[in-house]
N, C-alpha and C. Protein backbone atom coordinates (compact mmCIF):
# COMPACT_ATOMS: atom_id res chain seq x y z
N MET A 1 -7.32 -8.84 18.16
CA MET A 1 -6.25 -8.60 17.86
C MET A 1 -5.01 -9.29 18.27
N GLN A 2 -4.29 -9.84 17.17
CA GLN A 2 -2.62 -10.53 17.60
C GLN A 2 -1.62 -10.09 17.48
N ILE A 3 -1.26 -9.83 19.12
CA ILE A 3 0.61 -8.62 18.67
C ILE A 3 1.18 -10.31 18.65
N ILE A 4 2.45 -9.97 17.80
CA ILE A 4 3.55 -10.83 17.64
C ILE A 4 4.36 -10.64 18.66
N ASN A 5 5.27 -9.52 18.96
CA ASN A 5 5.81 -9.18 19.99
C ASN A 5 6.03 -7.67 20.28
N GLN A 6 6.91 -7.24 20.99
CA GLN A 6 6.98 -5.83 21.77
C GLN A 6 8.02 -5.01 20.96
N ASN A 7 8.69 -5.61 19.95
CA ASN A 7 9.64 -4.96 19.24
C ASN A 7 8.74 -3.91 18.33
N PRO A 8 9.21 -2.45 17.68
CA PRO A 8 8.52 -1.67 16.96
C PRO A 8 8.30 -2.23 15.48
N THR A 9 7.23 -1.87 14.96
CA THR A 9 6.62 -2.17 13.85
C THR A 9 6.40 -1.51 13.03
N CYS A 10 6.76 -1.85 11.40
CA CYS A 10 7.14 -0.79 10.54
C CYS A 10 6.37 -1.55 9.11
N LEU A 11 5.76 -0.27 8.27
CA LEU A 11 5.50 -0.86 7.37
C LEU A 11 6.73 -0.48 5.83
N ILE A 12 6.82 -0.96 5.19
CA ILE A 12 7.56 -0.63 4.00
C ILE A 12 6.92 -0.86 2.72
N THR A 13 6.42 0.23 1.83
CA THR A 13 6.24 0.42 0.72
C THR A 13 7.50 0.17 -0.25
N GLY A 14 7.43 -0.58 -1.40
CA GLY A 14 8.46 -0.97 -2.22
C GLY A 14 9.12 -1.42 -1.59
N CYS A 15 9.28 -2.35 -0.47
CA CYS A 15 10.51 -3.31 0.43
C CYS A 15 11.21 -4.48 -0.51
N SER A 16 10.18 -4.47 -1.49
CA SER A 16 11.30 -5.54 -2.89
C SER A 16 12.24 -4.75 -3.47
N GLY A 17 12.32 -3.64 -3.83
CA GLY A 17 13.02 -2.67 -4.37
C GLY A 17 14.76 -2.52 -3.39
N TYR A 18 15.55 -1.84 -4.29
CA TYR A 18 16.68 -1.77 -3.63
C TYR A 18 16.63 -1.12 -2.33
N ILE A 19 15.99 0.58 -2.06
CA ILE A 19 16.00 1.49 -1.25
C ILE A 19 15.16 0.88 -0.06
N GLY A 20 13.98 0.23 -0.41
CA GLY A 20 12.94 -0.73 0.52
C GLY A 20 13.57 -1.76 1.12
N GLY A 21 14.29 -2.64 0.55
CA GLY A 21 15.12 -3.55 0.89
C GLY A 21 16.05 -3.24 1.85
N PHE A 22 16.48 -2.00 1.55
CA PHE A 22 18.18 -1.82 2.49
C PHE A 22 17.93 -1.33 4.00
N ILE A 23 16.35 -0.67 3.72
CA ILE A 23 15.69 -0.31 5.00
C ILE A 23 15.20 -1.36 5.80
N ALA A 24 14.70 -2.01 5.38
CA ALA A 24 14.40 -3.66 6.01
C ALA A 24 15.01 -4.25 6.86
N LYS A 25 16.50 -4.44 5.64
CA LYS A 25 17.63 -5.20 6.28
C LYS A 25 17.75 -4.41 7.69
N ARG A 26 18.27 -3.29 7.54
CA ARG A 26 18.58 -2.14 8.49
C ARG A 26 17.96 -2.52 9.98
N LEU A 27 16.49 -2.51 9.53
CA LEU A 27 15.48 -2.14 10.85
C LEU A 27 15.48 -3.31 11.55
N ILE A 28 15.33 -4.85 10.29
CA ILE A 28 15.48 -5.88 10.96
C ILE A 28 16.96 -6.36 11.90
N SER A 29 17.73 -5.63 11.61
CA SER A 29 19.31 -6.01 12.34
C SER A 29 19.14 -4.99 13.87
N LEU A 30 18.09 -4.28 13.95
CA LEU A 30 17.83 -3.68 15.05
C LEU A 30 16.66 -4.06 15.84
N ASN A 31 16.21 -5.52 15.40
CA ASN A 31 15.41 -5.93 15.90
C ASN A 31 13.42 -5.25 15.60
N TRP A 32 13.42 -4.66 14.76
CA TRP A 32 12.55 -4.27 14.01
C TRP A 32 11.25 -5.44 13.45
N GLN A 33 10.05 -5.17 13.84
CA GLN A 33 9.48 -6.13 12.87
C GLN A 33 9.08 -5.48 11.84
N VAL A 34 8.94 -5.91 10.82
CA VAL A 34 8.85 -5.31 9.55
C VAL A 34 7.83 -6.19 8.45
N PHE A 35 6.70 -5.35 8.10
CA PHE A 35 5.97 -5.24 6.62
C PHE A 35 6.28 -4.73 5.86
N GLY A 36 6.24 -5.74 4.57
CA GLY A 36 6.83 -4.95 3.23
C GLY A 36 5.70 -5.71 2.06
N ILE A 37 5.04 -4.06 1.57
CA ILE A 37 4.31 -4.36 0.71
C ILE A 37 5.21 -4.21 -0.67
N THR A 38 4.75 -5.52 -1.58
CA THR A 38 5.12 -5.71 -2.80
C THR A 38 4.54 -6.18 -3.81
N ARG A 39 4.37 -5.86 -5.52
CA ARG A 39 3.58 -6.26 -6.01
C ARG A 39 3.81 -8.20 -6.71
N GLN A 40 5.11 -8.22 -5.93
CA GLN A 40 5.70 -9.33 -6.40
C GLN A 40 4.98 -10.54 -5.75
N ASN A 41 4.11 -11.41 -6.87
CA ASN A 41 3.55 -12.72 -5.99
C ASN A 41 4.58 -13.85 -5.40
N ASP A 42 5.66 -14.01 -5.89
CA ASP A 42 6.61 -14.87 -5.66
C ASP A 42 7.50 -14.19 -4.48
N THR A 43 7.68 -14.02 -3.48
CA THR A 43 8.01 -13.74 -2.43
C THR A 43 9.35 -14.36 -1.76
N SER A 44 9.64 -15.32 -2.20
CA SER A 44 10.30 -16.59 -1.38
C SER A 44 11.29 -15.74 -1.79
N PRO A 45 12.38 -15.39 -2.86
CA PRO A 45 13.11 -14.94 -2.99
C PRO A 45 14.04 -13.94 -2.19
N LEU A 46 12.84 -13.09 -1.68
CA LEU A 46 13.17 -12.21 -0.39
C LEU A 46 13.51 -12.11 0.72
N ASN A 47 13.54 -11.10 1.54
CA ASN A 47 13.86 -11.10 2.56
C ASN A 47 12.79 -12.22 3.32
N PRO A 48 13.28 -12.91 4.06
CA PRO A 48 12.16 -13.98 4.70
C PRO A 48 11.68 -13.36 6.17
N GLN A 49 12.61 -12.75 6.64
CA GLN A 49 12.29 -12.00 7.77
C GLN A 49 11.15 -10.91 8.12
N VAL A 50 10.52 -10.82 6.81
CA VAL A 50 9.71 -9.40 6.23
C VAL A 50 8.34 -10.31 6.23
N ARG A 51 7.38 -9.55 6.76
CA ARG A 51 6.04 -10.24 6.59
C ARG A 51 5.42 -9.52 5.28
N TRP A 52 5.48 -10.41 4.57
CA TRP A 52 5.04 -9.75 3.16
C TRP A 52 3.45 -9.93 3.12
N ILE A 53 3.31 -8.34 2.15
CA ILE A 53 1.80 -8.05 1.83
C ILE A 53 1.92 -8.01 0.33
N VAL A 54 1.07 -8.74 -0.45
CA VAL A 54 1.52 -8.75 -1.80
C VAL A 54 -0.06 -7.57 -2.19
N ALA A 55 0.49 -6.80 -2.97
CA ALA A 55 -0.70 -5.63 -3.61
C ALA A 55 0.06 -4.72 -4.30
N ASP A 56 -0.89 -4.19 -4.81
CA ASP A 56 -0.54 -2.93 -5.77
C ASP A 56 -1.04 -1.58 -5.26
N LEU A 57 -0.02 -0.92 -5.05
CA LEU A 57 -0.62 0.71 -4.21
C LEU A 57 -1.69 1.30 -5.36
N ASN A 58 -1.32 1.13 -6.52
CA ASN A 58 -2.21 1.90 -7.37
C ASN A 58 -3.73 1.08 -7.21
N ASP A 59 -4.17 0.08 -7.04
CA ASP A 59 -5.19 -0.53 -6.82
C ASP A 59 -5.94 -0.39 -5.58
N GLN A 60 -7.26 0.50 -6.07
CA GLN A 60 -7.71 1.16 -4.58
C GLN A 60 -8.86 -0.18 -4.47
N LYS A 61 -9.19 -0.97 -4.79
CA LYS A 61 -9.58 -2.06 -4.51
C LYS A 61 -9.10 -3.32 -2.93
N SER A 62 -7.68 -2.99 -3.55
CA SER A 62 -6.85 -4.01 -2.62
C SER A 62 -6.35 -3.45 -0.95
N ASP A 63 -6.88 -1.97 -1.11
CA ASP A 63 -6.84 -0.91 0.40
C ASP A 63 -7.61 -1.85 1.30
N LEU A 64 -8.43 -2.08 1.35
CA LEU A 64 -9.32 -2.81 2.30
C LEU A 64 -8.53 -4.19 3.19
N GLU A 65 -7.69 -4.94 1.90
CA GLU A 65 -7.25 -6.27 2.40
C GLU A 65 -6.58 -5.87 3.35
N ARG A 66 -5.31 -4.86 2.91
CA ARG A 66 -4.27 -4.35 3.18
C ARG A 66 -4.61 -4.00 4.24
N SER A 67 -5.60 -3.22 5.06
CA SER A 67 -5.86 -2.54 5.92
C SER A 67 -6.39 -3.92 7.16
N LYS A 68 -6.92 -4.94 6.42
CA LYS A 68 -7.35 -6.09 7.11
C LYS A 68 -6.07 -6.55 7.94
N VAL A 69 -5.28 -6.77 6.70
CA VAL A 69 -3.98 -7.31 7.43
C VAL A 69 -2.98 -7.00 8.56
N LEU A 70 -3.11 -5.46 8.53
CA LEU A 70 -2.17 -4.81 9.08
C LEU A 70 -2.69 -4.72 10.48
N THR A 71 -4.15 -4.70 10.86
CA THR A 71 -4.83 -4.43 11.87
C THR A 71 -5.16 -5.59 12.66
N LYS A 72 -4.82 -6.98 12.23
CA LYS A 72 -4.80 -8.06 12.38
C LYS A 72 -3.39 -8.11 13.26
N TYR A 73 -1.97 -7.58 13.00
CA TYR A 73 -1.13 -7.70 13.98
C TYR A 73 -0.73 -6.30 14.81
N GLY A 74 -1.85 -5.54 14.74
CA GLY A 74 -1.33 -4.23 15.91
C GLY A 74 -1.12 -2.90 15.39
N SER A 75 -0.54 -2.35 15.99
CA SER A 75 -0.37 -0.89 15.30
C SER A 75 1.19 -0.58 14.63
N LEU A 76 1.30 0.66 13.93
CA LEU A 76 2.57 0.70 13.30
C LEU A 76 3.34 1.72 14.10
N ASP A 77 4.63 1.54 14.25
CA ASP A 77 5.49 2.64 14.98
C ASP A 77 6.22 3.55 14.05
N ALA A 78 6.37 2.98 12.27
CA ALA A 78 6.76 3.81 11.40
C ALA A 78 6.41 3.42 10.23
N ILE A 79 6.46 4.36 9.38
CA ILE A 79 5.81 3.85 7.75
C ILE A 79 7.11 4.44 6.75
N PHE A 80 7.47 3.80 6.20
CA PHE A 80 8.52 4.15 5.01
C PHE A 80 8.03 4.01 3.62
N HIS A 81 7.70 5.06 2.69
CA HIS A 81 6.61 4.72 1.87
C HIS A 81 8.31 5.35 0.45
N CYS A 82 8.33 4.16 0.09
CA CYS A 82 10.11 3.72 -0.87
C CYS A 82 9.29 3.39 -2.39
N ALA A 83 8.07 3.39 -2.83
CA ALA A 83 7.14 3.16 -4.08
C ALA A 83 7.36 3.79 -5.06
């Protein structure tokens, strides 16, 4: 397991939307490490400080890939469901 830093870590679903994006910006300003789930394939115009996971929460087949990505970086301190 690779731990990126000791800051608190969260996952935000719908992170590319208005509410999720606002929460992400606020948490980043408080030194949180933020993982964001989005359906958009091109995350370049979005917040570069977010570690983006491109996935569709309605697609059950992508659950395994999301869990592999998250377990690689350690545990989560919070989850915000904004999808």
